């Protein structure tokens, strides 16, 4: 999920769905890792089948279709 305003996006998903954002720095591409469900410490996978965790990155300035 791309974002324009990282803090606003993270706050929205935290308040709306209870997701837990982890803000990564520029050395990690300013990604926001979202924990959406409980994770098994041993496997690092979600405990509940069919659940996922994910990440967001900054929206590109130029749509990919127009980049050459």
C-alpha atoms as a PDB file:
ATOM      1  CA  UNK A   1       0.000   0.000   0.000  1.00  0.00           C
ATOM      2  CA  UNK A   2       1.727   3.190  -1.073  1.00  0.00           C
ATOM      3  CA  UNK A   3       1.419   6.353   1.013  1.00  0.00           C
ATOM      4  CA  UNK A   4       1.739  10.110   0.523  1.00  0.00           C
ATOM      5  CA  UNK A   5       1.853  11.035   4.221  1.00  0.00           C
ATOM      6  CA  UNK A   6       3.483   8.269   6.252  1.00  0.00           C
ATOM      7  CA  UNK A   7       2.451   9.461   9.707  1.00  0.00           C
ATOM      8  CA  UNK A   8      -1.150  10.058   8.633  1.00  0.00           C
ATOM      9  CA  UNK A   9      -1.373   6.638   6.967  1.00  0.00           C
ATOM     10  CA  UNK A  10       0.120   4.832   9.980  1.00  0.00           C
ATOM     11  CA  UNK A  11      -2.173   6.645  12.409  1.00  0.00           C
ATOM     12  CA  UNK A  12      -5.239   5.869  10.276  1.00  0.00           C
ATOM     13  CA  UNK A  13      -4.615   2.106  10.179  1.00  0.00           C
ATOM     14  CA  UNK A  14      -3.632   2.039  13.843  1.00  0.00           C
ATOM     15  CA  UNK A  15      -6.809   3.836  14.943  1.00  0.00           C
ATOM     16  CA  UNK A  16      -9.182   2.204  12.437  1.00  0.00           C
ATOM     17  CA  UNK A  17      -8.051  -1.420  12.486  1.00  0.00           C
ATOM     18  CA  UNK A  18      -5.735  -1.651  15.503  1.00  0.00           C
ATOM     19  CA  UNK A  19      -2.729  -2.478  13.315  1.00  0.00           C
ATOM     20  CA  UNK A  20       0.682  -1.831  14.868  1.00  0.00           C
ATOM     21  CA  UNK A  21       2.978   0.246  12.620  1.00  0.00           C
ATOM     22  CA  UNK A  22       6.755   0.039  12.855  1.00  0.00           C
ATOM     23  CA  UNK A  23       8.372   3.017  11.144  1.00  0.00           C
ATOM     24  CA  UNK A  24      11.648   2.164   9.414  1.00  0.00           C
ATOM     25  CA  UNK A  25      14.212   4.806   8.538  1.00  0.00           C
ATOM     26  CA  UNK A  26      15.682   5.996   5.236  1.00  0.00           C
ATOM     27  CA  UNK A  27      18.310   3.233   5.323  1.00  0.00           C
ATOM     28  CA  UNK A  28      15.361   0.790   5.026  1.00  0.00           C
ATOM     29  CA  UNK A  29      13.456   2.766   2.380  1.00  0.00           C
ATOM     30  CA  UNK A  30      11.132   4.517   4.901  1.00  0.00           C
ATOM     31  CA  UNK A  31       8.895   1.462   4.898  1.00  0.00           C
ATOM     32  CA  UNK A  32       6.148   1.133   7.475  1.00  0.00           C
ATOM     33  CA  UNK A  33       5.810  -2.480   8.578  1.00  0.00           C
ATOM     34  CA  UNK A  34       2.257  -3.259   9.706  1.00  0.00           C
ATOM     35  CA  UNK A  35       1.583  -6.010  12.196  1.00  0.00           C
ATOM     36  CA  UNK A  36      -2.054  -6.901  11.642  1.00  0.00           C
ATOM     37  CA  UNK A  37      -2.240 -10.163  13.586  1.00  0.00           C
ATOM     38  CA  UNK A  38      -0.371 -12.144  16.247  1.00  0.00           C
ATOM     39  CA  UNK A  39       2.955 -13.552  15.052  1.00  0.00           C
ATOM     40  CA  UNK A  40       4.585 -16.806  16.147  1.00  0.00           C
ATOM     41  CA  UNK A  41       7.967 -15.937  17.675  1.00  0.00           C
ATOM     42  CA  UNK A  42       9.619 -19.127  16.416  1.00  0.00           C
ATOM     43  CA  UNK A  43       8.446 -19.000  12.793  1.00  0.00           C
ATOM     44  CA  UNK A  44       7.791 -15.244  12.445  1.00  0.00           C
ATOM     45  CA  UNK A  45       4.589 -16.160  10.554  1.00  0.00           C
ATOM     46  CA  UNK A  46       1.072 -15.177  11.617  1.00  0.00           C
ATOM     47  CA  UNK A  47      -0.433 -17.605  14.146  1.00  0.00           C
ATOM     48  CA  UNK A  48      -3.885 -17.685  12.513  1.00  0.00           C
ATOM     49  CA  UNK A  49      -4.131 -19.358   9.080  1.00  0.00           C
ATOM     50  CA  UNK A  50      -5.076 -17.000   6.262  1.00  0.00           C
ATOM     51  CA  UNK A  51      -3.834 -13.880   8.065  1.00  0.00           C
ATOM     52  CA  UNK A  52      -1.041 -11.654   6.766  1.00  0.00           C
ATOM     53  CA  UNK A  53       1.179  -8.817   7.930  1.00  0.00           C
ATOM     54  CA  UNK A  54       2.511  -6.304   5.435  1.00  0.00           C
ATOM     55  CA  UNK A  55       4.268  -3.045   4.706  1.00  0.00           C
ATOM     56  CA  UNK A  56       3.740   0.316   3.036  1.00  0.00           C
ATOM     57  CA  UNK A  57       6.156   2.455   1.068  1.00  0.00           C
ATOM     58  CA  UNK A  58       6.155   5.993  -0.275  1.00  0.00           C
ATOM     59  CA  UNK A  59       4.051   6.552  -3.381  1.00  0.00           C
ATOM     60  CA  UNK A  60       6.284   7.228  -6.426  1.00  0.00           C
ATOM     61  CA  UNK A  61       6.199  10.775  -7.805  1.00  0.00           C
ATOM     62  CA  UNK A  62       5.544   9.564 -11.350  1.00  0.00           C
ATOM     63  CA  UNK A  63       3.126   6.686 -11.971  1.00  0.00           C
ATOM     64  CA  UNK A  64       5.070   3.542 -12.921  1.00  0.00           C
ATOM     65  CA  UNK A  65       3.262   3.350 -16.259  1.00  0.00           C
ATOM     66  CA  UNK A  66       4.843   6.700 -17.245  1.00  0.00           C
ATOM     67  CA  UNK A  67       8.363   5.858 -16.071  1.00  0.00           C
ATOM     68  CA  UNK A  68      10.818   4.739 -18.709  1.00  0.00           C
END
